[in-house]
Amino acid sequence: FNYIEKFLLVLCELLEKGWETEIVCRCVHFLVSV
């Protein structure tokens, strides 16, 4: 879970830049639901 916190910050930055939105949204949705 401590790496999940870091990974969510990274995913947020990737979404702001608009890079590979589909893969990033998939990761975000899965981590938040689990």
PDB file of all heavy atoms in Angstrom:
ATOM      1  N   PHE A   1       0.821  -1.219   0.000  1.00  0.00           N
ATOM      2  CA  PHE A   1       0.000   0.000   0.000  1.00  0.00           C
ATOM      3  C   PHE A   1       0.854   1.269   0.000  1.00  0.00           C
ATOM      4  O   PHE A   1       0.449   2.282  -0.568  1.00  0.00           O
ATOM      5  CB  PHE A   1      -0.931   0.014   1.214  1.00  0.00           C
ATOM      6  CG  PHE A   1      -1.936   1.131   1.169  1.00  0.00           C
ATOM      7  CD1 PHE A   1      -2.983   1.094   0.263  1.00  0.00           C
ATOM      8  CD2 PHE A   1      -1.821   2.231   1.998  1.00  0.00           C
ATOM      9  CE1 PHE A   1      -3.903   2.124   0.191  1.00  0.00           C
ATOM     10  CE2 PHE A   1      -2.736   3.262   1.949  1.00  0.00           C
ATOM     11  CZ  PHE A   1      -3.787   3.206   1.042  1.00  0.00           C
ATOM     12  N   ASN A   2       2.052   1.237   0.611  1.00  0.00           N
ATOM     13  CA  ASN A   2       2.895   2.447   0.602  1.00  0.00           C
ATOM     14  C   ASN A   2       3.357   2.787  -0.819  1.00  0.00           C
ATOM     15  O   ASN A   2       3.519   3.958  -1.170  1.00  0.00           O
ATOM     16  CB  ASN A   2       4.097   2.264   1.528  1.00  0.00           C
ATOM     17  CG  ASN A   2       4.934   1.052   1.169  1.00  0.00           C
ATOM     18  OD1 ASN A   2       4.438   0.101   0.577  1.00  0.00           O
ATOM     19  ND2 ASN A   2       6.200   1.059   1.519  1.00  0.00           N
ATOM     20  N   TYR A   3       3.517   1.785  -1.673  1.00  0.00           N
ATOM     21  CA  TYR A   3       3.865   2.045  -3.078  1.00  0.00           C
ATOM     22  C   TYR A   3       2.634   2.461  -3.881  1.00  0.00           C
ATOM     23  O   TYR A   3       2.762   3.169  -4.884  1.00  0.00           O
ATOM     24  CB  TYR A   3       4.502   0.803  -3.697  1.00  0.00           C
ATOM     25  CG  TYR A   3       5.955   0.625  -3.318  1.00  0.00           C
ATOM     26  CD1 TYR A   3       6.320  -0.214  -2.277  1.00  0.00           C
ATOM     27  CD2 TYR A   3       6.961   1.322  -3.991  1.00  0.00           C
ATOM     28  CE1 TYR A   3       7.657  -0.376  -1.918  1.00  0.00           C
ATOM     29  CE2 TYR A   3       8.297   1.171  -3.635  1.00  0.00           C
ATOM     30  CZ  TYR A   3       8.634   0.324  -2.599  1.00  0.00           C
ATOM     31  OH  TYR A   3       9.951   0.182  -2.251  1.00  0.00           O
ATOM     32  N   ILE A   4       1.461   2.030  -3.455  1.00  0.00           N
ATOM     33  CA  ILE A   4       0.234   2.441  -4.141  1.00  0.00           C
ATOM     34  C   ILE A   4       0.023   3.948  -3.980  1.00  0.00           C
ATOM     35  O   ILE A   4      -0.423   4.630  -4.908  1.00  0.00           O
ATOM     36  CB  ILE A   4      -0.970   1.639  -3.601  1.00  0.00           C
ATOM     37  CG1 ILE A   4      -0.894   0.199  -4.132  1.00  0.00           C
ATOM     38  CG2 ILE A   4      -2.300   2.252  -4.023  1.00  0.00           C
ATOM     39  CD1 ILE A   4      -1.815  -0.759  -3.464  1.00  0.00           C
ATOM     40  N   GLU A   5       0.342   4.497  -2.797  1.00  0.00           N
ATOM     41  CA  GLU A   5       0.244   5.945  -2.581  1.00  0.00           C
ATOM     42  C   GLU A   5       1.134   6.699  -3.572  1.00  0.00           C
ATOM     43  O   GLU A   5       0.719   7.678  -4.195  1.00  0.00           O
ATOM     44  CB  GLU A   5       0.648   6.286  -1.147  1.00  0.00           C
ATOM     45  CG  GLU A   5      -0.296   5.727  -0.083  1.00  0.00           C
ATOM     46  CD  GLU A   5       0.165   6.071   1.315  1.00  0.00           C
ATOM     47  OE1 GLU A   5       0.949   7.034   1.470  1.00  0.00           O
ATOM     48  OE2 GLU A   5      -0.236   5.382   2.260  1.00  0.00           O
ATOM     49  N   LYS A   6       2.387   6.225  -3.723  1.00  0.00           N
ATOM     50  CA  LYS A   6       3.315   6.870  -4.659  1.00  0.00           C
ATOM     51  C   LYS A   6       2.807   6.727  -6.100  1.00  0.00           C
ATOM     52  O   LYS A   6       2.893   7.669  -6.894  1.00  0.00           O
ATOM     53  CB  LYS A   6       4.702   6.242  -4.540  1.00  0.00           C
ATOM     54  CG  LYS A   6       5.358   6.391  -3.183  1.00  0.00           C
ATOM     55  CD  LYS A   6       6.685   5.657  -3.159  1.00  0.00           C
ATOM     56  CE  LYS A   6       7.317   5.679  -1.778  1.00  0.00           C
ATOM     57  NZ  LYS A   6       8.578   4.891  -1.743  1.00  0.00           N
ATOM     58  N   PHE A   7       2.287   5.541  -6.414  1.00  0.00           N
ATOM     59  CA  PHE A   7       1.849   5.264  -7.782  1.00  0.00           C
ATOM     60  C   PHE A   7       0.648   6.127  -8.166  1.00  0.00           C
ATOM     61  O   PHE A   7       0.536   6.569  -9.312  1.00  0.00           O
ATOM     62  CB  PHE A   7       1.513   3.780  -7.918  1.00  0.00           C
ATOM     63  CG  PHE A   7       1.422   3.294  -9.334  1.00  0.00           C
ATOM     64  CD1 PHE A   7       2.321   3.734 -10.287  1.00  0.00           C
ATOM     65  CD2 PHE A   7       0.443   2.408  -9.726  1.00  0.00           C
ATOM     66  CE1 PHE A   7       2.250   3.299 -11.602  1.00  0.00           C
ATOM     67  CE2 PHE A   7       0.360   1.961 -11.036  1.00  0.00           C
ATOM     68  CZ  PHE A   7       1.272   2.417 -11.977  1.00  0.00           C
ATOM     69  N   LEU A   8      -0.256   6.390  -7.223  1.00  0.00           N
ATOM     70  CA  LEU A   8      -1.402   7.252  -7.501  1.00  0.00           C
ATOM     71  C   LEU A   8      -0.960   8.676  -7.831  1.00  0.00           C
ATOM     72  O   LEU A   8      -1.538   9.334  -8.702  1.00  0.00           O
ATOM     73  CB  LEU A   8      -2.370   7.256  -6.314  1.00  0.00           C
ATOM     74  CG  LEU A   8      -3.238   6.005  -6.142  1.00  0.00           C
ATOM     75  CD1 LEU A   8      -4.001   6.063  -4.833  1.00  0.00           C
ATOM     76  CD2 LEU A   8      -4.215   5.848  -7.302  1.00  0.00           C
ATOM     77  N   LEU A   9       0.077   9.169  -7.144  1.00  0.00           N
ATOM     78  CA  LEU A   9       0.623  10.497  -7.442  1.00  0.00           C
ATOM     79  C   LEU A   9       1.195  10.539  -8.859  1.00  0.00           C
ATOM     80  O   LEU A   9       1.010  11.512  -9.594  1.00  0.00           O
ATOM     81  CB  LEU A   9       1.701  10.864  -6.419  1.00  0.00           C
ATOM     82  CG  LEU A   9       1.213  11.138  -4.990  1.00  0.00           C
ATOM     83  CD1 LEU A   9       2.390  11.199  -4.039  1.00  0.00           C
ATOM     84  CD2 LEU A   9       0.427  12.441  -4.941  1.00  0.00           C
ATOM     85  N   VAL A  10       1.896   9.455  -9.237  1.00  0.00           N
ATOM     86  CA  VAL A  10       2.463   9.368 -10.584  1.00  0.00           C
ATOM     87  C   VAL A  10       1.349   9.344 -11.636  1.00  0.00           C
ATOM     88  O   VAL A  10       1.417  10.035 -12.658  1.00  0.00           O
ATOM     89  CB  VAL A  10       3.346   8.109 -10.704  1.00  0.00           C
ATOM     90  CG1 VAL A  10       3.794   7.902 -12.148  1.00  0.00           C
ATOM     91  CG2 VAL A  10       4.556   8.223  -9.796  1.00  0.00           C
ATOM     92  N   LEU A  11       0.299   8.561 -11.378  1.00  0.00           N
ATOM     93  CA  LEU A  11      -0.821   8.457 -12.321  1.00  0.00           C
ATOM     94  C   LEU A  11      -1.534   9.804 -12.483  1.00  0.00           C
ATOM     95  O   LEU A  11      -1.980  10.152 -13.580  1.00  0.00           O
ATOM     96  CB  LEU A  11      -1.807   7.391 -11.848  1.00  0.00           C
ATOM     97  CG  LEU A  11      -1.289   5.944 -11.844  1.00  0.00           C
ATOM     98  CD1 LEU A  11      -2.311   5.018 -11.200  1.00  0.00           C
ATOM     99  CD2 LEU A  11      -0.981   5.475 -13.247  1.00  0.00           C
ATOM    100  N   CYS A  12      -1.648  10.536 -11.392  1.00  0.00           N
ATOM    101  CA  CYS A  12      -2.276  11.868 -11.445  1.00  0.00           C
ATOM    102  C   CYS A  12      -1.467  12.804 -12.348  1.00  0.00           C
ATOM    103  O   CYS A  12      -2.038  13.539 -13.166  1.00  0.00           O
ATOM    104  CB  CYS A  12      -2.378  12.437 -10.033  1.00  0.00           C
ATOM    105  SG  CYS A  12      -3.283  13.984  -9.939  1.00  0.00           S
ATOM    106  N   GLU A  13      -0.152  12.744 -12.218  1.00  0.00           N
ATOM    107  CA  GLU A  13       0.713  13.583 -13.061  1.00  0.00           C
ATOM    108  C   GLU A  13       0.605  13.184 -14.534  1.00  0.00           C
ATOM    109  O   GLU A  13       0.581  14.040 -15.422  1.00  0.00           O
ATOM    110  CB  GLU A  13       2.161  13.459 -12.579  1.00  0.00           C
ATOM    111  CG  GLU A  13       3.105  14.434 -13.257  1.00  0.00           C
ATOM    112  CD  GLU A  13       4.521  14.356 -12.705  1.00  0.00           C
ATOM    113  OE1 GLU A  13       4.709  13.732 -11.634  1.00  0.00           O
ATOM    114  OE2 GLU A  13       5.434  14.906 -13.347  1.00  0.00           O
ATOM    115  N   LEU A  14       0.522  11.879 -14.800  1.00  0.00           N
ATOM    116  CA  LEU A  14       0.392  11.399 -16.183  1.00  0.00           C
ATOM    117  C   LEU A  14      -0.932  11.848 -16.806  1.00  0.00           C
ATOM    118  O   LEU A  14      -0.989  12.208 -17.987  1.00  0.00           O
ATOM    119  CB  LEU A  14       0.486   9.872 -16.217  1.00  0.00           C
ATOM    120  CG  LEU A  14       1.873   9.262 -15.982  1.00  0.00           C
ATOM    121  CD1 LEU A  14       1.768   7.756 -15.814  1.00  0.00           C
ATOM    122  CD2 LEU A  14       2.809   9.592 -17.137  1.00  0.00           C
ATOM    123  N   LEU A  15      -2.003  11.833 -16.010  1.00  0.00           N
ATOM    124  CA  LEU A  15      -3.302  12.285 -16.517  1.00  0.00           C
ATOM    125  C   LEU A  15      -3.292  13.780 -16.816  1.00  0.00           C
ATOM    126  O   LEU A  15      -3.902  14.232 -17.791  1.00  0.00           O
ATOM    127  CB  LEU A  15      -4.397  11.956 -15.499  1.00  0.00           C
ATOM    128  CG  LEU A  15      -4.925  10.522 -15.501  1.00  0.00           C
ATOM    129  CD1 LEU A  15      -5.873  10.310 -14.336  1.00  0.00           C
ATOM    130  CD2 LEU A  15      -5.641  10.203 -16.814  1.00  0.00           C
ATOM    131  N   GLU A  16      -2.618  14.546 -15.967  1.00  0.00           N
ATOM    132  CA  GLU A  16      -2.536  15.992 -16.211  1.00  0.00           C
ATOM    133  C   GLU A  16      -1.818  16.288 -17.525  1.00  0.00           C
ATOM    134  O   GLU A  16      -2.156  17.236 -18.232  1.00  0.00           O
ATOM    135  CB  GLU A  16      -1.812  16.673 -15.043  1.00  0.00           C
ATOM    136  CG  GLU A  16      -2.659  16.743 -13.776  1.00  0.00           C
ATOM    137  CD  GLU A  16      -1.886  17.282 -12.588  1.00  0.00           C
ATOM    138  OE1 GLU A  16      -0.655  17.489 -12.741  1.00  0.00           O
ATOM    139  OE2 GLU A  16      -2.489  17.486 -11.518  1.00  0.00           O
ATOM    140  N   LYS A  17      -0.820  15.461 -17.845  1.00  0.00           N
ATOM    141  CA  LYS A  17      -0.083  15.649 -19.097  1.00  0.00           C
ATOM    142  C   LYS A  17      -0.836  15.062 -20.286  1.00  0.00           C
ATOM    143  O   LYS A  17      -0.486  15.335 -21.438  1.00  0.00           O
ATOM    144  CB  LYS A  17       1.293  14.991 -18.988  1.00  0.00           C
ATOM    145  CG  LYS A  17       2.221  15.688 -18.006  1.00  0.00           C
ATOM    146  CD  LYS A  17       3.575  15.016 -17.969  1.00  0.00           C
ATOM    147  CE  LYS A  17       4.516  15.726 -17.007  1.00  0.00           C
ATOM    148  NZ  LYS A  17       4.902  17.067 -17.501  1.00  0.00           N
ATOM    149  N   GLY A  18      -1.850  14.204 -20.014  1.00  0.00           N
ATOM    150  CA  GLY A  18      -2.635  13.613 -21.098  1.00  0.00           C
ATOM    151  C   GLY A  18      -1.926  12.498 -21.829  1.00  0.00           C
ATOM    152  O   GLY A  18      -2.217  12.237 -23.007  1.00  0.00           O
ATOM    153  N   TRP A  19      -1.013  11.799 -21.163  1.00  0.00           N
ATOM    154  CA  TRP A  19      -0.254  10.713 -21.780  1.00  0.00           C
ATOM    155  C   TRP A  19      -0.947   9.375 -21.514  1.00  0.00           C
ATOM    156  O   TRP A  19      -1.212   9.036 -20.363  1.00  0.00           O
ATOM    157  CB  TRP A  19       1.166  10.660 -21.232  1.00  0.00           C
ATOM    158  CG  TRP A  19       2.007  11.848 -21.598  1.00  0.00           C
ATOM    159  CD1 TRP A  19       1.696  12.820 -22.508  1.00  0.00           C
ATOM    160  CD2 TRP A  19       3.280  12.199 -21.046  1.00  0.00           C
ATOM    161  NE1 TRP A  19       2.681  13.759 -22.570  1.00  0.00           N
ATOM    162  CE2 TRP A  19       3.685  13.400 -21.684  1.00  0.00           C
ATOM    163  CE3 TRP A  19       4.118  11.649 -20.093  1.00  0.00           C
ATOM    164  CZ2 TRP A  19       4.885  14.038 -21.396  1.00  0.00           C
ATOM    165  CZ3 TRP A  19       5.321  12.262 -19.803  1.00  0.00           C
ATOM    166  CH2 TRP A  19       5.695  13.448 -20.446  1.00  0.00           C
ATOM    167  N   GLU A  20      -1.194   8.606 -22.578  1.00  0.00           N
ATOM    168  CA  GLU A  20      -1.756   7.244 -22.477  1.00  0.00           C
ATOM    169  C   GLU A  20      -2.939   7.202 -21.490  1.00  0.00           C
ATOM    170  O   GLU A  20      -2.947   6.466 -20.509  1.00  0.00           O
ATOM    171  CB  GLU A  20      -0.681   6.235 -22.048  1.00  0.00           C
ATOM    172  CG  GLU A  20       0.449   6.089 -23.018  1.00  0.00           C
ATOM    173  CD  GLU A  20       0.033   5.463 -24.327  1.00  0.00           C
ATOM    174  OE1 GLU A  20      -0.999   4.750 -24.351  1.00  0.00           O
ATOM    175  OE2 GLU A  20       0.733   5.693 -25.338  1.00  0.00           O
ATOM    176  N   THR A  21      -3.947   8.009 -21.791  1.00  0.00           N
ATOM    177  CA  THR A  21      -5.080   8.174 -20.862  1.00  0.00           C
ATOM    178  C   THR A  21      -5.797   6.853 -20.570  1.00  0.00           C
ATOM    179  O   THR A  21      -6.200   6.594 -19.435  1.00  0.00           O
ATOM    180  CB  THR A  21      -6.087   9.182 -21.448  1.00  0.00           C
ATOM    181  OG1 THR A  21      -5.395  10.388 -21.785  1.00  0.00           O
ATOM    182  CG2 THR A  21      -7.181   9.498 -20.446  1.00  0.00           C
ATOM    183  N   GLU A  22      -5.924   6.005 -21.583  1.00  0.00           N
ATOM    184  CA  GLU A  22      -6.681   4.765 -21.413  1.00  0.00           C
ATOM    185  C   GLU A  22      -6.028   3.836 -20.393  1.00  0.00           C
ATOM    186  O   GLU A  22      -6.683   3.333 -19.476  1.00  0.00           O
ATOM    187  CB  GLU A  22      -6.809   4.061 -22.768  1.00  0.00           C
ATOM    188  CG  GLU A  22      -7.764   2.879 -22.737  1.00  0.00           C
ATOM    189  CD  GLU A  22      -7.950   2.273 -24.109  1.00  0.00           C
ATOM    190  OE1 GLU A  22      -7.519   2.886 -25.104  1.00  0.00           O
ATOM    191  OE2 GLU A  22      -8.532   1.177 -24.178  1.00  0.00           O
ATOM    192  N   ILE A  23      -4.707   3.616 -20.529  1.00  0.00           N
ATOM    193  CA  ILE A  23      -3.984   2.728 -19.593  1.00  0.00           C
ATOM    194  C   ILE A  23      -3.976   3.326 -18.192  1.00  0.00           C
ATOM    195  O   ILE A  23      -4.184   2.626 -17.201  1.00  0.00           O
ATOM    196  CB  ILE A  23      -2.542   2.485 -20.088  1.00  0.00           C
ATOM    197  CG1 ILE A  23      -2.549   1.780 -21.441  1.00  0.00           C
ATOM    198  CG2 ILE A  23      -1.751   1.663 -19.077  1.00  0.00           C
ATOM    199  CD1 ILE A  23      -1.194   1.672 -22.097  1.00  0.00           C
ATOM    200  N   VAL A  24      -3.721   4.631 -18.116  1.00  0.00           N
ATOM    201  CA  VAL A  24      -3.627   5.294 -16.807  1.00  0.00           C
ATOM    202  C   VAL A  24      -4.974   5.240 -16.077  1.00  0.00           C
ATOM    203  O   VAL A  24      -5.033   4.938 -14.880  1.00  0.00           O
ATOM    204  CB  VAL A  24      -3.151   6.749 -16.979  1.00  0.00           C
ATOM    205  CG1 VAL A  24      -3.159   7.473 -15.636  1.00  0.00           C
ATOM    206  CG2 VAL A  24      -1.747   6.781 -17.574  1.00  0.00           C
ATOM    207  N   CYS A  25      -6.074   5.515 -16.803  1.00  0.00           N
ATOM    208  CA  CYS A  25      -7.411   5.458 -16.175  1.00  0.00           C
ATOM    209  C   CYS A  25      -7.732   4.039 -15.715  1.00  0.00           C
ATOM    210  O   CYS A  25      -8.361   3.849 -14.666  1.00  0.00           O
ATOM    211  CB  CYS A  25      -8.473   5.931 -17.161  1.00  0.00           C
ATOM    212  SG  CYS A  25      -8.488   7.710 -17.406  1.00  0.00           S
ATOM    213  N   ARG A  26      -7.309   3.061 -16.476  1.00  0.00           N
ATOM    214  CA  ARG A  26      -7.530   1.666 -16.078  1.00  0.00           C
ATOM    215  C   ARG A  26      -6.822   1.364 -14.758  1.00  0.00           C
ATOM    216  O   ARG A  26      -7.387   0.722 -13.862  1.00  0.00           O
ATOM    217  CB  ARG A  26      -7.013   0.755 -17.194  1.00  0.00           C
ATOM    218  CG  ARG A  26      -7.192  -0.730 -16.923  1.00  0.00           C
ATOM    219  CD  ARG A  26      -6.595  -1.534 -18.062  1.00  0.00           C
ATOM    220  NE  ARG A  26      -6.485  -2.939 -17.722  1.00  0.00           N
ATOM    221  CZ  ARG A  26      -5.819  -3.821 -18.442  1.00  0.00           C
ATOM    222  NH1 ARG A  26      -5.209  -3.455 -19.549  1.00  0.00           N
ATOM    223  NH2 ARG A  26      -5.752  -5.082 -18.066  1.00  0.00           N
ATOM    224  N   CYS A  27      -5.566   1.816 -14.619  1.00  0.00           N
ATOM    225  CA  CYS A  27      -4.813   1.608 -13.372  1.00  0.00           C
ATOM    226  C   CYS A  27      -5.474   2.318 -12.196  1.00  0.00           C
ATOM    227  O   CYS A  27      -5.598   1.758 -11.107  1.00  0.00           O
ATOM    228  CB  CYS A  27      -3.378   2.094 -13.539  1.00  0.00           C
ATOM    229  SG  CYS A  27      -2.393   1.156 -14.710  1.00  0.00           S
ATOM    230  N   VAL A  28      -5.897   3.565 -12.432  1.00  0.00           N
ATOM    231  CA  VAL A  28      -6.531   4.351 -11.359  1.00  0.00           C
ATOM    232  C   VAL A  28      -7.815   3.678 -10.895  1.00  0.00           C
ATOM    233  O   VAL A  28      -8.039   3.511  -9.679  1.00  0.00           O
ATOM    234  CB  VAL A  28      -6.821   5.788 -11.851  1.00  0.00           C
ATOM    235  CG1 VAL A  28      -7.688   6.531 -10.842  1.00  0.00           C
ATOM    236  CG2 VAL A  28      -5.525   6.536 -12.067  1.00  0.00           C
ATOM    237  N   HIS A  29      -8.657   3.293 -11.836  1.00  0.00           N
ATOM    238  CA  HIS A  29      -9.938   2.658 -11.494  1.00  0.00           C
ATOM    239  C   HIS A  29      -9.717   1.371 -10.701  1.00  0.00           C
ATOM    240  O   HIS A  29     -10.400   1.117  -9.701  1.00  0.00           O
ATOM    241  CB  HIS A  29     -10.726   2.376 -12.766  1.00  0.00           C
ATOM    242  CG  HIS A  29     -12.046   1.721 -12.513  1.00  0.00           C
ATOM    243  ND1 HIS A  29     -12.217   0.346 -12.546  1.00  0.00           N
ATOM    244  CD2 HIS A  29     -13.266   2.241 -12.195  1.00  0.00           C
ATOM    245  CE1 HIS A  29     -13.466   0.056 -12.271  1.00  0.00           C
ATOM    246  NE2 HIS A  29     -14.133   1.179 -12.052  1.00  0.00           N
ATOM    247  N   PHE A  30      -8.764   0.563 -11.121  1.00  0.00           N
ATOM    248  CA  PHE A  30      -8.519  -0.710 -10.443  1.00  0.00           C
ATOM    249  C   PHE A  30      -7.986  -0.492  -9.020  1.00  0.00           C
ATOM    250  O   PHE A  30      -8.473  -1.114  -8.059  1.00  0.00           O
ATOM    251  CB  PHE A  30      -7.517  -1.550 -11.248  1.00  0.00           C
ATOM    252  CG  PHE A  30      -7.236  -2.884 -10.641  1.00  0.00           C
ATOM    253  CD1 PHE A  30      -8.139  -3.929 -10.763  1.00  0.00           C
ATOM    254  CD2 PHE A  30      -6.066  -3.114  -9.922  1.00  0.00           C
ATOM    255  CE1 PHE A  30      -7.883  -5.166 -10.189  1.00  0.00           C
ATOM    256  CE2 PHE A  30      -5.803  -4.338  -9.348  1.00  0.00           C
ATOM    257  CZ  PHE A  30      -6.720  -5.367  -9.489  1.00  0.00           C
ATOM    258  N   LEU A  31      -7.009   0.391  -8.866  1.00  0.00           N
ATOM    259  CA  LEU A  31      -6.420   0.626  -7.542  1.00  0.00           C
ATOM    260  C   LEU A  31      -7.429   1.220  -6.565  1.00  0.00           C
ATOM    261  O   LEU A  31      -7.483   0.821  -5.395  1.00  0.00           O
ATOM    262  CB  LEU A  31      -5.203   1.549  -7.665  1.00  0.00           C
ATOM    263  CG  LEU A  31      -3.975   0.956  -8.352  1.00  0.00           C
ATOM    264  CD1 LEU A  31      -2.913   2.019  -8.547  1.00  0.00           C
ATOM    265  CD2 LEU A  31      -3.405  -0.201  -7.536  1.00  0.00           C
ATOM    266  N   VAL A  32      -8.232   2.158  -7.045  1.00  0.00           N
ATOM    267  CA  VAL A  32      -9.223   2.791  -6.158  1.00  0.00           C
ATOM    268  C   VAL A  32     -10.313   1.802  -5.765  1.00  0.00           C
ATOM    269  O   VAL A  32     -10.750   1.771  -4.605  1.00  0.00           O
ATOM    270  CB  VAL A  32      -9.840   4.036  -6.850  1.00  0.00           C
ATOM    271  CG1 VAL A  32     -11.004   4.572  -6.046  1.00  0.00           C
ATOM    272  CG2 VAL A  32      -8.786   5.116  -7.005  1.00  0.00           C
ATOM    273  N   SER A  33     -10.754   0.946  -6.690  1.00  0.00           N
ATOM    274  CA  SER A  33     -11.810  -0.025  -6.361  1.00  0.00           C
ATOM    275  C   SER A  33     -11.314  -1.114  -5.425  1.00  0.00           C
ATOM    276  O   SER A  33     -12.053  -1.571  -4.559  1.00  0.00           O
ATOM    277  CB  SER A  33     -12.356  -0.650  -7.648  1.00  0.00           C
ATOM    278  OG  SER A  33     -11.326  -1.319  -8.355  1.00  0.00           O
ATOM    279  N   VAL A  34     -10.059  -1.536  -5.559  1.00  0.00           N
ATOM    280  CA  VAL A  34      -9.516  -2.610  -4.710  1.00  0.00           C
ATOM    281  C   VAL A  34      -9.161  -2.090  -3.317  1.00  0.00           C
ATOM    282  O   VAL A  34      -9.451  -2.725  -2.304  1.00  0.00           O
ATOM    283  CB  VAL A  34      -8.286  -3.256  -5.381  1.00  0.00           C
ATOM    284  CG1 VAL A  34      -7.581  -4.209  -4.424  1.00  0.00           C
ATOM    285  CG2 VAL A  34      -8.718  -4.025  -6.618  1.00  0.00           C
TER     286      VAL A  34
END
